[in-house]
Amino acid sequence: MSKNDYNYLQRKAEILKAIAHPIRLAILRGLIKNGPTNVNSLETCIDVPTATVSQHLTKIRYAGIVSKKRKGTYIYYDIVDEDHVIDMIKSFLGEK
């Protein structure tokens, strides 16, 4: 295995580790379906407390899967699709 292969596979493994939780998958699925969304909207969609959503968003944001942008008093989260995360999640969940 070449160093490039290893680095590529290491990044994919990091992504898989970061999304390996039902709440994180639900957050990402919601972002795929609805586009940029704030924490309050995500909380309503997946029916968990705001603090829980925020904690999970932080984990996937640190993994480089989600970005955040402030609009007024709200912070909106969106998927960073550099690693084709959207296709990966849609394929894994059997959604188109």
N, C-alpha and C. Protein backbone atom coordinates (compact mmCIF):
# COMPACT_ATOMS: atom_id res chain seq x y z
N MET A 1 0.85 -1.17 0.00
CA MET A 1 0.00 0.00 0.00
C MET A 1 0.90 1.24 0.00
N SER A 2 0.58 2.14 -0.90
CA SER A 2 1.37 3.37 -0.99
C SER A 2 0.95 4.35 0.11
N LYS A 3 1.77 5.35 0.33
CA LYS A 3 1.46 6.38 1.34
C LYS A 3 0.18 7.13 0.97
N ASN A 4 -0.02 7.38 -0.33
CA ASN A 4 -1.26 8.05 -0.77
C ASN A 4 -2.48 7.20 -0.47
N ASP A 5 -2.39 5.89 -0.73
CA ASP A 5 -3.49 4.99 -0.41
C ASP A 5 -3.79 5.01 1.08
N TYR A 6 -2.74 4.95 1.87
CA TYR A 6 -2.91 4.92 3.32
C TYR A 6 -3.59 6.21 3.79
N ASN A 7 -3.13 7.35 3.31
CA ASN A 7 -3.72 8.63 3.72
C ASN A 7 -5.19 8.71 3.31
N TYR A 8 -5.50 8.24 2.11
CA TYR A 8 -6.87 8.23 1.61
C TYR A 8 -7.75 7.36 2.51
N LEU A 9 -7.29 6.16 2.80
CA LEU A 9 -8.06 5.24 3.63
C LEU A 9 -8.16 5.72 5.08
N GLN A 10 -7.11 6.37 5.56
CA GLN A 10 -7.15 6.92 6.90
C GLN A 10 -8.23 8.00 7.00
N ARG A 11 -8.34 8.85 6.00
CA ARG A 11 -9.37 9.90 6.00
C ARG A 11 -10.76 9.28 5.97
N LYS A 12 -10.95 8.27 5.14
CA LYS A 12 -12.26 7.60 5.08
C LYS A 12 -12.61 6.96 6.42
N ALA A 13 -11.61 6.37 7.09
CA ALA A 13 -11.84 5.77 8.40
C ALA A 13 -12.23 6.83 9.43
N GLU A 14 -11.60 8.01 9.36
CA GLU A 14 -11.95 9.11 10.26
C GLU A 14 -13.40 9.53 10.06
N ILE A 15 -13.81 9.60 8.82
CA ILE A 15 -15.20 9.96 8.51
C ILE A 15 -16.16 8.92 9.08
N LEU A 16 -15.86 7.66 8.85
CA LEU A 16 -16.73 6.60 9.35
C LEU A 16 -16.83 6.63 10.87
N LYS A 17 -15.71 6.86 11.55
CA LYS A 17 -15.74 6.95 13.02
C LYS A 17 -16.60 8.12 13.47
N ALA A 18 -16.48 9.24 12.77
CA ALA A 18 -17.21 10.44 13.17
C ALA A 18 -18.71 10.31 12.97
N ILE A 19 -19.14 9.55 11.98
CA ILE A 19 -20.58 9.45 11.71
C ILE A 19 -21.20 8.19 12.32
N ALA A 20 -20.41 7.41 13.03
CA ALA A 20 -20.87 6.12 13.56
C ALA A 20 -21.70 6.30 14.84
N HIS A 21 -22.78 7.02 14.72
CA HIS A 21 -23.72 7.20 15.84
C HIS A 21 -25.08 7.55 15.23
N PRO A 22 -26.16 6.98 15.75
CA PRO A 22 -27.48 7.23 15.14
C PRO A 22 -27.88 8.70 15.12
N ILE A 23 -27.53 9.45 16.16
CA ILE A 23 -27.90 10.87 16.18
C ILE A 23 -27.11 11.62 15.12
N ARG A 24 -25.83 11.31 14.96
CA ARG A 24 -25.02 11.99 13.94
C ARG A 24 -25.51 11.65 12.55
N LEU A 25 -25.90 10.39 12.33
CA LEU A 25 -26.46 10.03 11.03
C LEU A 25 -27.77 10.77 10.78
N ALA A 26 -28.58 10.91 11.81
CA ALA A 26 -29.85 11.64 11.67
C ALA A 26 -29.59 13.11 11.36
N ILE A 27 -28.59 13.70 12.03
CA ILE A 27 -28.24 15.10 11.77
C ILE A 27 -27.81 15.25 10.31
N LEU A 28 -26.91 14.38 9.87
CA LEU A 28 -26.41 14.47 8.50
C LEU A 28 -27.50 14.23 7.48
N ARG A 29 -28.38 13.28 7.75
CA ARG A 29 -29.50 13.04 6.83
C ARG A 29 -30.39 14.28 6.75
N GLY A 30 -30.63 14.93 7.90
CA GLY A 30 -31.43 16.16 7.90
C GLY A 30 -30.76 17.27 7.12
N LEU A 31 -29.44 17.40 7.25
CA LEU A 31 -28.72 18.42 6.49
C LEU A 31 -28.74 18.13 4.99
N ILE A 32 -28.68 16.86 4.64
CA ILE A 32 -28.75 16.48 3.22
C ILE A 32 -30.13 16.84 2.66
N LYS A 33 -31.17 16.52 3.40
CA LYS A 33 -32.54 16.77 2.92
C LYS A 33 -32.92 18.25 2.93
N ASN A 34 -32.47 18.99 3.96
CA ASN A 34 -32.95 20.35 4.16
C ASN A 34 -31.94 21.44 3.85
N GLY A 35 -30.70 21.08 3.61
CA GLY A 35 -29.67 22.09 3.38
C GLY A 35 -29.25 22.72 4.69
N PRO A 36 -28.58 23.87 4.64
CA PRO A 36 -28.10 24.52 5.86
C PRO A 36 -29.21 24.72 6.88
N THR A 37 -28.95 24.32 8.11
CA THR A 37 -29.97 24.30 9.15
C THR A 37 -29.36 24.74 10.48
N ASN A 38 -30.19 25.36 11.33
CA ASN A 38 -29.69 25.72 12.66
C ASN A 38 -30.01 24.62 13.67
N VAL A 39 -29.40 24.73 14.85
CA VAL A 39 -29.53 23.69 15.87
C VAL A 39 -30.99 23.49 16.29
N ASN A 40 -31.73 24.58 16.42
CA ASN A 40 -33.13 24.45 16.85
C ASN A 40 -33.95 23.64 15.87
N SER A 41 -33.72 23.83 14.58
CA SER A 41 -34.45 23.05 13.58
C SER A 41 -34.03 21.59 13.63
N LEU A 42 -32.75 21.34 13.81
CA LEU A 42 -32.28 19.96 13.90
C LEU A 42 -32.84 19.27 15.14
N GLU A 43 -32.90 20.01 16.23
CA GLU A 43 -33.44 19.46 17.48
C GLU A 43 -34.88 18.99 17.27
N THR A 44 -35.66 19.78 16.56
CA THR A 44 -37.06 19.44 16.29
C THR A 44 -37.16 18.21 15.40
N CYS A 45 -36.29 18.14 14.38
CA CYS A 45 -36.33 17.03 13.43
C CYS A 45 -36.00 15.68 14.08
N ILE A 46 -35.02 15.68 14.97
CA ILE A 46 -34.57 14.39 15.51
C ILE A 46 -35.01 14.15 16.95
N ASP A 47 -35.73 15.12 17.53
CA ASP A 47 -36.36 14.96 18.84
C ASP A 47 -35.38 14.60 19.95
N VAL A 48 -34.29 15.36 20.03
CA VAL A 48 -33.35 15.25 21.15
C VAL A 48 -33.05 16.68 21.63
N PRO A 49 -32.57 16.83 22.86
CA PRO A 49 -32.30 18.17 23.39
C PRO A 49 -31.24 18.92 22.58
N THR A 50 -31.32 20.25 22.64
CA THR A 50 -30.39 21.11 21.92
C THR A 50 -28.95 20.81 22.29
N ALA A 51 -28.68 20.59 23.56
CA ALA A 51 -27.31 20.31 24.01
C ALA A 51 -26.76 19.05 23.35
N THR A 52 -27.60 18.05 23.21
CA THR A 52 -27.18 16.80 22.57
C THR A 52 -26.86 17.02 21.11
N VAL A 53 -27.72 17.76 20.42
CA VAL A 53 -27.47 18.07 19.01
C VAL A 53 -26.16 18.83 18.88
N SER A 54 -25.95 19.81 19.74
CA SER A 54 -24.73 20.62 19.68
C SER A 54 -23.47 19.77 19.90
N GLN A 55 -23.52 18.86 20.85
CA GLN A 55 -22.37 18.00 21.11
C GLN A 55 -22.04 17.14 19.89
N HIS A 56 -23.05 16.59 19.27
CA HIS A 56 -22.82 15.73 18.10
C HIS A 56 -22.37 16.56 16.90
N LEU A 57 -22.93 17.75 16.74
CA LEU A 57 -22.47 18.63 15.66
C LEU A 57 -21.00 18.99 15.84
N THR A 58 -20.58 19.21 17.07
CA THR A 58 -19.18 19.54 17.34
C THR A 58 -18.27 18.40 16.89
N LYS A 59 -18.66 17.17 17.18
CA LYS A 59 -17.83 16.02 16.79
C LYS A 59 -17.71 15.90 15.27
N ILE A 60 -18.81 16.07 14.56
CA ILE A 60 -18.71 15.93 13.10
C ILE A 60 -18.10 17.18 12.46
N ARG A 61 -18.20 18.31 13.14
CA ARG A 61 -17.54 19.52 12.64
C ARG A 61 -16.03 19.39 12.78
N TYR A 62 -15.55 18.89 13.92
CA TYR A 62 -14.11 18.70 14.11
C TYR A 62 -13.55 17.67 13.13
N ALA A 63 -14.37 16.76 12.66
CA ALA A 63 -13.94 15.78 11.67
C ALA A 63 -13.94 16.37 10.26
N GLY A 64 -14.39 17.62 10.12
CA GLY A 64 -14.39 18.28 8.83
C GLY A 64 -15.55 17.90 7.93
N ILE A 65 -16.59 17.34 8.51
CA ILE A 65 -17.74 16.89 7.74
C ILE A 65 -18.80 17.98 7.65
N VAL A 66 -18.85 18.84 8.65
CA VAL A 66 -19.85 19.89 8.74
C VAL A 66 -19.15 21.23 8.97
N SER A 67 -19.70 22.28 8.37
CA SER A 67 -19.19 23.63 8.61
C SER A 67 -20.31 24.45 9.25
N LYS A 68 -19.92 25.58 9.84
CA LYS A 68 -20.94 26.45 10.43
C LYS A 68 -20.73 27.87 9.96
N LYS A 69 -21.86 28.59 9.81
CA LYS A 69 -21.84 30.00 9.43
C LYS A 69 -22.88 30.73 10.26
N ARG A 70 -22.49 31.88 10.75
CA ARG A 70 -23.41 32.70 11.54
C ARG A 70 -24.22 33.60 10.63
N LYS A 71 -25.53 33.62 10.87
CA LYS A 71 -26.44 34.55 10.18
C LYS A 71 -27.27 35.22 11.26
N GLY A 72 -26.91 36.45 11.58
CA GLY A 72 -27.59 37.15 12.67
C GLY A 72 -27.29 36.46 13.99
N THR A 73 -28.35 36.08 14.70
CA THR A 73 -28.15 35.42 15.99
C THR A 73 -28.12 33.90 15.88
N TYR A 74 -28.28 33.37 14.67
CA TYR A 74 -28.31 31.93 14.47
C TYR A 74 -27.02 31.44 13.82
N ILE A 75 -26.68 30.20 14.13
CA ILE A 75 -25.57 29.53 13.47
C ILE A 75 -26.17 28.41 12.62
N TYR A 76 -25.83 28.42 11.36
CA TYR A 76 -26.32 27.40 10.43
C TYR A 76 -25.21 26.42 10.11
N TYR A 77 -25.58 25.15 10.09
CA TYR A 77 -24.63 24.07 9.80
C TYR A 77 -24.95 23.50 8.44
N ASP A 78 -23.89 23.10 7.74
CA ASP A 78 -24.05 22.49 6.42
C ASP A 78 -22.96 21.45 6.22
N ILE A 79 -23.19 20.52 5.33
CA ILE A 79 -22.22 19.47 5.05
C ILE A 79 -21.12 19.99 4.14
N VAL A 80 -19.89 19.66 4.51
CA VAL A 80 -18.73 19.92 3.66
C VAL A 80 -18.56 18.63 2.85
N ASP A 81 -18.73 18.72 1.55
CA ASP A 81 -18.79 17.49 0.75
C ASP A 81 -17.49 17.21 0.00
N GLU A 82 -16.36 17.66 0.51
CA GLU A 82 -15.09 17.42 -0.16
C GLU A 82 -14.77 15.92 -0.28
N ASP A 83 -15.21 15.15 0.69
CA ASP A 83 -14.93 13.71 0.70
C ASP A 83 -16.11 12.88 0.22
N HIS A 84 -17.04 13.51 -0.48
CA HIS A 84 -18.23 12.82 -1.02
C HIS A 84 -19.07 12.17 0.08
N VAL A 85 -19.17 12.88 1.20
CA VAL A 85 -19.91 12.38 2.36
C VAL A 85 -21.39 12.20 2.02
N ILE A 86 -21.93 13.12 1.24
CA ILE A 86 -23.36 13.03 0.90
C ILE A 86 -23.65 11.73 0.16
N ASP A 87 -22.87 11.44 -0.86
CA ASP A 87 -23.08 10.19 -1.62
C ASP A 87 -22.89 8.98 -0.73
N MET A 88 -21.89 9.03 0.16
CA MET A 88 -21.61 7.91 1.05
C MET A 88 -22.80 7.65 1.97
N ILE A 89 -23.34 8.70 2.55
CA ILE A 89 -24.45 8.54 3.48
C ILE A 89 -25.72 8.10 2.76
N LYS A 90 -25.99 8.73 1.62
CA LYS A 90 -27.18 8.32 0.84
C LYS A 90 -27.09 6.86 0.45
N SER A 91 -25.94 6.44 0.00
CA SER A 91 -25.76 5.05 -0.40
C SER A 91 -25.91 4.11 0.79
N PHE A 92 -25.29 4.48 1.90
CA PHE A 92 -25.36 3.64 3.09
C PHE A 92 -26.78 3.51 3.61
N LEU A 93 -27.53 4.62 3.60
CA LEU A 93 -28.90 4.61 4.10
C LEU A 93 -29.92 4.14 3.06
N GLY A 94 -29.45 3.90 1.84
CA GLY A 94 -30.35 3.44 0.79
C GLY A 94 -31.29 4.52 0.30
N GLU A 95 -30.83 5.78 0.38
CA GLU A 95 -31.65 6.90 -0.06
C GLU A 95 -31.07 7.51 -1.32
N LYS A 96 -31.93 8.13 -2.12
CA LYS A 96 -31.46 8.74 -3.36
C LYS A 96 -31.59 10.22 -3.31
